[in-house]
């Protein structure tokens, strides 16, 4: 028996609205903003939320001496097309050299790692 339901995954960042708009461009959905907090309600019912974090330091990837904290796996049908779009939205490539793998690693505009996956 579960004790709770997952309400949202929350990302700390320097500019919640800007990062929410990035992920809205990637995942679709609707934004709801309230006093520095932004919710992105994505199709399917999940919520990805963003909160202001003064002094935010992005995680390092890969870094054996520092944790990446968490990352999102985003399943796509066409990795090349999705890569083009996320880069146009402001993502940065972290590890996409091996084009034969089923995933590629990027950082969002605030530095959080995420993967595009053909899973």
N, C-alpha and C. Protein backbone atom coordinates (compact mmCIF):
# COMPACT_ATOMS: atom_id res chain seq x y z
N UNK A 1 0.84 -1.18 0.00
CA UNK A 1 0.00 0.00 0.00
C UNK A 1 0.88 1.24 0.00
N UNK A 2 0.63 2.13 -0.92
CA UNK A 2 1.42 3.36 -1.03
C UNK A 2 1.06 4.34 0.08
N UNK A 3 2.05 5.05 0.55
CA UNK A 3 1.82 6.08 1.55
C UNK A 3 1.51 7.43 0.93
N UNK A 4 1.92 7.60 -0.33
CA UNK A 4 1.74 8.90 -0.98
C UNK A 4 1.66 8.71 -2.48
N UNK A 5 1.26 9.77 -3.17
CA UNK A 5 1.28 9.82 -4.63
C UNK A 5 2.28 10.89 -5.04
N UNK A 6 2.97 10.67 -6.13
CA UNK A 6 3.91 11.65 -6.64
C UNK A 6 3.14 12.86 -7.16
N UNK A 7 3.39 14.02 -6.57
CA UNK A 7 2.72 15.24 -6.99
C UNK A 7 3.42 15.89 -8.16
N UNK A 8 4.74 16.04 -8.04
CA UNK A 8 5.51 16.71 -9.09
C UNK A 8 6.99 16.40 -8.89
N UNK A 9 7.73 16.50 -9.97
CA UNK A 9 9.18 16.54 -9.91
C UNK A 9 9.54 18.03 -9.99
N UNK A 10 10.36 18.51 -9.05
CA UNK A 10 10.66 19.94 -8.96
C UNK A 10 12.14 20.17 -9.26
N UNK A 11 12.41 21.09 -10.16
CA UNK A 11 13.78 21.45 -10.51
C UNK A 11 14.11 22.82 -9.97
N UNK A 12 15.20 22.94 -9.23
CA UNK A 12 15.73 24.24 -8.83
C UNK A 12 16.41 24.87 -10.03
N UNK A 13 16.30 26.18 -10.17
CA UNK A 13 16.91 26.85 -11.30
C UNK A 13 16.95 28.36 -11.05
N UNK A 14 17.75 29.08 -11.82
CA UNK A 14 17.81 30.53 -11.61
C UNK A 14 16.60 31.28 -12.16
N UNK A 15 15.94 30.74 -13.20
CA UNK A 15 14.82 31.42 -13.84
C UNK A 15 13.71 30.40 -14.12
N UNK A 16 12.78 30.21 -13.18
CA UNK A 16 11.74 29.18 -13.34
C UNK A 16 10.92 29.31 -14.62
N UNK A 17 10.54 30.52 -14.98
CA UNK A 17 9.71 30.69 -16.18
C UNK A 17 10.47 30.26 -17.44
N UNK A 18 11.73 30.67 -17.54
CA UNK A 18 12.52 30.33 -18.73
C UNK A 18 12.72 28.82 -18.84
N UNK A 19 13.02 28.16 -17.73
CA UNK A 19 13.24 26.72 -17.79
C UNK A 19 11.92 25.98 -18.05
N UNK A 20 10.83 26.44 -17.48
CA UNK A 20 9.52 25.85 -17.76
C UNK A 20 9.17 25.98 -19.23
N UNK A 21 9.48 27.11 -19.83
CA UNK A 21 9.21 27.30 -21.26
C UNK A 21 10.07 26.36 -22.11
N UNK A 22 11.32 26.13 -21.70
CA UNK A 22 12.16 25.17 -22.40
C UNK A 22 11.50 23.80 -22.40
N UNK A 23 11.10 23.32 -21.22
CA UNK A 23 10.49 21.99 -21.13
C UNK A 23 9.11 21.94 -21.78
N UNK A 24 8.38 23.03 -21.79
CA UNK A 24 7.11 23.07 -22.52
C UNK A 24 7.37 22.90 -24.01
N UNK A 25 8.46 23.47 -24.50
CA UNK A 25 8.83 23.29 -25.90
C UNK A 25 9.21 21.85 -26.22
N UNK A 26 9.78 21.15 -25.26
CA UNK A 26 10.19 19.76 -25.44
C UNK A 26 9.01 18.80 -25.23
N UNK A 27 8.24 18.99 -24.17
CA UNK A 27 7.21 18.03 -23.77
C UNK A 27 5.78 18.44 -24.09
N UNK A 28 5.56 19.72 -24.43
CA UNK A 28 4.20 20.21 -24.58
C UNK A 28 3.62 20.51 -23.21
N UNK A 29 2.36 20.85 -23.16
CA UNK A 29 1.70 21.09 -21.89
C UNK A 29 1.38 22.55 -21.64
N UNK A 30 0.84 22.79 -20.44
CA UNK A 30 0.39 24.12 -20.06
C UNK A 30 1.14 24.60 -18.83
N UNK A 31 1.47 25.89 -18.82
CA UNK A 31 2.18 26.49 -17.70
C UNK A 31 1.21 27.18 -16.74
N UNK A 32 1.53 27.07 -15.46
CA UNK A 32 0.79 27.76 -14.41
C UNK A 32 1.83 28.37 -13.47
N UNK A 33 1.76 29.68 -13.27
CA UNK A 33 2.78 30.38 -12.50
C UNK A 33 2.16 31.02 -11.25
N UNK A 34 2.91 30.92 -10.13
CA UNK A 34 2.44 31.52 -8.89
C UNK A 34 3.64 31.92 -8.03
N UNK A 35 3.93 33.19 -7.97
CA UNK A 35 4.92 33.74 -7.06
C UNK A 35 6.29 33.05 -7.16
N UNK A 36 6.86 33.00 -8.37
CA UNK A 36 8.19 32.44 -8.54
C UNK A 36 8.23 30.94 -8.71
N UNK A 37 7.10 30.30 -8.67
CA UNK A 37 6.97 28.85 -8.84
C UNK A 37 6.20 28.62 -10.13
N UNK A 38 6.68 27.74 -11.00
CA UNK A 38 5.99 27.46 -12.25
C UNK A 38 5.74 25.96 -12.37
N UNK A 39 4.49 25.58 -12.64
CA UNK A 39 4.13 24.19 -12.91
C UNK A 39 3.95 24.02 -14.41
N UNK A 40 4.49 22.94 -14.93
CA UNK A 40 4.23 22.54 -16.31
C UNK A 40 3.41 21.26 -16.23
N UNK A 41 2.14 21.34 -16.65
CA UNK A 41 1.25 20.19 -16.68
C UNK A 41 1.38 19.57 -18.07
N UNK A 42 2.08 18.43 -18.13
CA UNK A 42 2.36 17.80 -19.42
C UNK A 42 1.23 16.86 -19.80
N UNK A 43 1.07 16.60 -21.10
CA UNK A 43 0.04 15.64 -21.52
C UNK A 43 0.27 14.31 -20.81
N UNK A 44 -0.79 13.72 -20.33
CA UNK A 44 -0.69 12.47 -19.58
C UNK A 44 -0.87 12.68 -18.09
N UNK A 45 -0.89 13.94 -17.65
CA UNK A 45 -1.21 14.23 -16.27
C UNK A 45 -0.04 14.50 -15.34
N UNK A 46 1.19 14.28 -15.77
CA UNK A 46 2.32 14.54 -14.90
C UNK A 46 2.57 16.04 -14.77
N UNK A 47 3.21 16.42 -13.66
CA UNK A 47 3.59 17.81 -13.45
C UNK A 47 5.09 17.89 -13.23
N UNK A 48 5.71 18.79 -13.96
CA UNK A 48 7.11 19.12 -13.77
C UNK A 48 7.10 20.55 -13.27
N UNK A 49 7.72 20.80 -12.12
CA UNK A 49 7.66 22.12 -11.50
C UNK A 49 9.05 22.73 -11.41
N UNK A 50 9.09 24.05 -11.31
CA UNK A 50 10.34 24.80 -11.32
C UNK A 50 10.28 25.86 -10.23
N UNK A 51 11.34 25.91 -9.41
CA UNK A 51 11.37 26.92 -8.36
C UNK A 51 12.69 27.68 -8.42
N UNK A 52 12.60 28.95 -8.06
CA UNK A 52 13.79 29.81 -8.06
C UNK A 52 14.75 29.35 -6.98
N UNK A 53 16.02 29.29 -7.35
CA UNK A 53 17.07 28.90 -6.41
C UNK A 53 18.23 29.87 -6.59
N UNK A 54 18.25 30.96 -5.81
CA UNK A 54 19.36 31.89 -5.90
C UNK A 54 20.68 31.15 -5.64
N UNK A 55 21.66 31.42 -6.45
CA UNK A 55 22.94 30.75 -6.30
C UNK A 55 22.96 29.33 -6.84
N UNK A 56 21.98 28.99 -7.67
CA UNK A 56 21.91 27.65 -8.25
C UNK A 56 23.23 27.28 -8.92
N UNK A 57 23.72 26.10 -8.62
CA UNK A 57 24.92 25.56 -9.26
C UNK A 57 24.50 24.30 -10.01
N UNK A 58 24.65 24.29 -11.33
CA UNK A 58 24.22 23.12 -12.09
C UNK A 58 25.02 21.88 -11.70
N UNK A 59 24.39 20.71 -11.81
CA UNK A 59 25.13 19.47 -11.57
C UNK A 59 26.20 19.28 -12.63
N UNK A 60 27.19 18.46 -12.32
CA UNK A 60 28.25 18.15 -13.28
C UNK A 60 28.00 16.77 -13.86
N UNK A 61 28.24 16.64 -15.15
CA UNK A 61 28.09 15.35 -15.80
C UNK A 61 29.11 15.21 -16.90
N UNK A 62 29.77 14.12 -17.04
CA UNK A 62 29.95 13.12 -15.99
C UNK A 62 31.03 13.60 -15.04
N UNK A 63 30.90 13.29 -13.81
CA UNK A 63 31.88 13.69 -12.81
C UNK A 63 31.90 12.64 -11.70
N UNK A 64 32.94 11.82 -11.65
CA UNK A 64 32.98 10.77 -10.64
C UNK A 64 33.02 11.32 -9.21
N UNK A 65 33.41 12.58 -9.05
CA UNK A 65 33.50 13.16 -7.71
C UNK A 65 32.30 14.05 -7.36
N UNK A 66 31.30 14.13 -8.25
CA UNK A 66 30.13 14.97 -7.99
C UNK A 66 28.90 14.29 -8.58
N UNK A 67 27.83 14.29 -7.83
CA UNK A 67 26.59 13.67 -8.27
C UNK A 67 25.87 14.53 -9.30
N UNK A 68 25.22 13.87 -10.26
CA UNK A 68 24.38 14.61 -11.20
C UNK A 68 23.02 14.93 -10.58
N UNK A 69 22.74 14.46 -9.38
CA UNK A 69 21.54 14.72 -8.60
C UNK A 69 20.34 13.93 -9.12
N UNK A 70 19.98 14.09 -10.35
CA UNK A 70 18.90 13.35 -11.00
C UNK A 70 18.98 13.68 -12.48
N UNK A 71 18.25 12.94 -13.30
CA UNK A 71 18.10 13.33 -14.70
C UNK A 71 16.78 12.79 -15.22
N UNK A 72 16.32 13.39 -16.29
CA UNK A 72 15.08 12.96 -16.93
C UNK A 72 15.42 12.13 -18.17
N UNK A 73 14.75 11.00 -18.35
CA UNK A 73 14.82 10.23 -19.58
C UNK A 73 13.58 10.57 -20.39
N UNK A 74 13.77 11.15 -21.56
CA UNK A 74 12.67 11.56 -22.42
C UNK A 74 12.65 10.66 -23.64
N UNK A 75 11.61 9.85 -23.76
CA UNK A 75 11.49 8.89 -24.85
C UNK A 75 11.01 9.60 -26.11
N UNK A 76 11.72 9.36 -27.22
CA UNK A 76 11.39 10.00 -28.50
C UNK A 76 11.34 8.95 -29.60
N UNK A 77 10.63 9.26 -30.67
CA UNK A 77 10.54 8.36 -31.81
C UNK A 77 11.73 8.53 -32.76
N UNK A 78 12.22 9.76 -32.90
CA UNK A 78 13.30 10.05 -33.84
C UNK A 78 14.35 10.89 -33.10
N UNK A 79 15.45 10.26 -32.69
CA UNK A 79 16.44 10.98 -31.88
C UNK A 79 17.09 12.13 -32.65
N UNK A 80 17.35 11.95 -33.93
CA UNK A 80 17.98 13.03 -34.70
C UNK A 80 17.08 14.26 -34.77
N UNK A 81 15.80 14.04 -35.04
CA UNK A 81 14.85 15.16 -35.11
C UNK A 81 14.69 15.81 -33.73
N UNK A 82 14.57 14.98 -32.69
CA UNK A 82 14.41 15.52 -31.34
C UNK A 82 15.65 16.29 -30.91
N UNK A 83 16.82 15.77 -31.26
CA UNK A 83 18.06 16.47 -30.92
C UNK A 83 18.08 17.87 -31.55
N UNK A 84 17.73 17.95 -32.81
CA UNK A 84 17.70 19.24 -33.50
C UNK A 84 16.80 20.23 -32.77
N UNK A 85 15.63 19.75 -32.34
CA UNK A 85 14.66 20.62 -31.67
C UNK A 85 15.13 21.06 -30.29
N UNK A 86 15.67 20.12 -29.48
CA UNK A 86 16.09 20.52 -28.12
C UNK A 86 17.28 21.48 -28.19
N UNK A 87 18.15 21.30 -29.17
CA UNK A 87 19.27 22.24 -29.33
C UNK A 87 18.76 23.62 -29.73
N UNK A 88 17.75 23.66 -30.59
CA UNK A 88 17.16 24.95 -30.99
C UNK A 88 16.48 25.64 -29.81
N UNK A 89 15.97 24.84 -28.85
CA UNK A 89 15.32 25.40 -27.66
C UNK A 89 16.33 25.86 -26.60
N UNK A 90 17.61 25.51 -26.77
CA UNK A 90 18.62 25.97 -25.83
C UNK A 90 19.37 24.89 -25.07
N UNK A 91 19.14 23.62 -25.38
CA UNK A 91 19.88 22.54 -24.74
C UNK A 91 21.33 22.55 -25.22
N UNK A 92 22.21 21.94 -24.41
CA UNK A 92 23.62 21.76 -24.78
C UNK A 92 23.94 20.28 -24.77
N UNK A 93 24.75 19.85 -25.71
CA UNK A 93 25.15 18.45 -25.79
C UNK A 93 26.16 18.15 -24.68
N UNK A 94 25.91 17.06 -23.94
CA UNK A 94 26.88 16.57 -22.97
C UNK A 94 27.56 15.30 -23.47
N UNK A 95 26.79 14.40 -24.08
CA UNK A 95 27.35 13.15 -24.58
C UNK A 95 26.43 12.59 -25.65
N UNK A 96 26.73 12.90 -26.89
CA UNK A 96 25.90 12.41 -28.00
C UNK A 96 26.76 11.91 -29.15
N UNK A 97 28.03 11.66 -28.86
CA UNK A 97 28.96 11.27 -29.91
C UNK A 97 28.67 9.88 -30.46
N UNK A 98 28.32 8.93 -29.58
CA UNK A 98 28.03 7.56 -30.00
C UNK A 98 26.60 7.49 -30.53
N UNK A 99 26.46 7.56 -31.84
CA UNK A 99 25.14 7.59 -32.47
C UNK A 99 24.50 6.21 -32.55
N UNK A 100 25.19 5.16 -32.13
CA UNK A 100 24.62 3.81 -32.18
C UNK A 100 23.89 3.45 -30.89
N UNK A 101 24.13 4.20 -29.82
CA UNK A 101 23.47 3.94 -28.53
C UNK A 101 22.00 4.31 -28.60
N UNK A 102 21.23 3.82 -27.66
CA UNK A 102 19.81 4.13 -27.58
C UNK A 102 19.51 5.40 -26.80
N UNK A 103 20.53 6.19 -26.44
CA UNK A 103 20.32 7.43 -25.71
C UNK A 103 21.42 8.43 -26.02
N UNK A 104 21.09 9.70 -25.80
CA UNK A 104 22.04 10.81 -25.92
C UNK A 104 21.79 11.75 -24.74
N UNK A 105 22.86 12.36 -24.23
CA UNK A 105 22.76 13.14 -23.00
C UNK A 105 22.95 14.63 -23.32
N UNK A 106 22.09 15.45 -22.74
CA UNK A 106 22.10 16.90 -22.94
C UNK A 106 21.95 17.59 -21.59
N UNK A 107 22.16 18.90 -21.58
CA UNK A 107 21.86 19.71 -20.41
C UNK A 107 20.79 20.72 -20.81
N UNK A 108 19.83 20.95 -19.92
CA UNK A 108 18.84 21.99 -20.18
C UNK A 108 19.50 23.35 -19.96
N UNK A 109 18.82 24.46 -20.24
CA UNK A 109 19.45 25.78 -20.09
C UNK A 109 19.95 26.11 -18.68
N UNK A 110 19.44 25.42 -17.66
CA UNK A 110 19.93 25.65 -16.29
C UNK A 110 21.01 24.65 -15.90
N UNK A 111 21.37 23.74 -16.81
CA UNK A 111 22.45 22.80 -16.56
C UNK A 111 22.04 21.42 -16.08
N UNK A 112 20.73 21.14 -15.92
CA UNK A 112 20.29 19.82 -15.49
C UNK A 112 20.45 18.83 -16.65
N UNK A 113 21.04 17.67 -16.39
CA UNK A 113 21.17 16.68 -17.48
C UNK A 113 19.83 16.01 -17.78
N UNK A 114 19.64 15.67 -19.05
CA UNK A 114 18.50 14.87 -19.48
C UNK A 114 18.92 14.05 -20.67
N UNK A 115 18.23 12.94 -20.88
CA UNK A 115 18.55 12.05 -22.01
C UNK A 115 17.38 12.00 -22.98
N UNK A 116 17.71 12.00 -24.24
CA UNK A 116 16.75 11.61 -25.26
C UNK A 116 16.99 10.12 -25.49
N UNK A 117 15.92 9.33 -25.39
CA UNK A 117 16.03 7.88 -25.45
C UNK A 117 15.14 7.31 -26.54
N UNK A 118 15.68 6.36 -27.28
CA UNK A 118 14.89 5.56 -28.20
C UNK A 118 14.71 4.21 -27.51
N UNK A 119 13.92 4.23 -26.47
CA UNK A 119 13.77 3.04 -25.60
C UNK A 119 12.54 2.26 -25.97
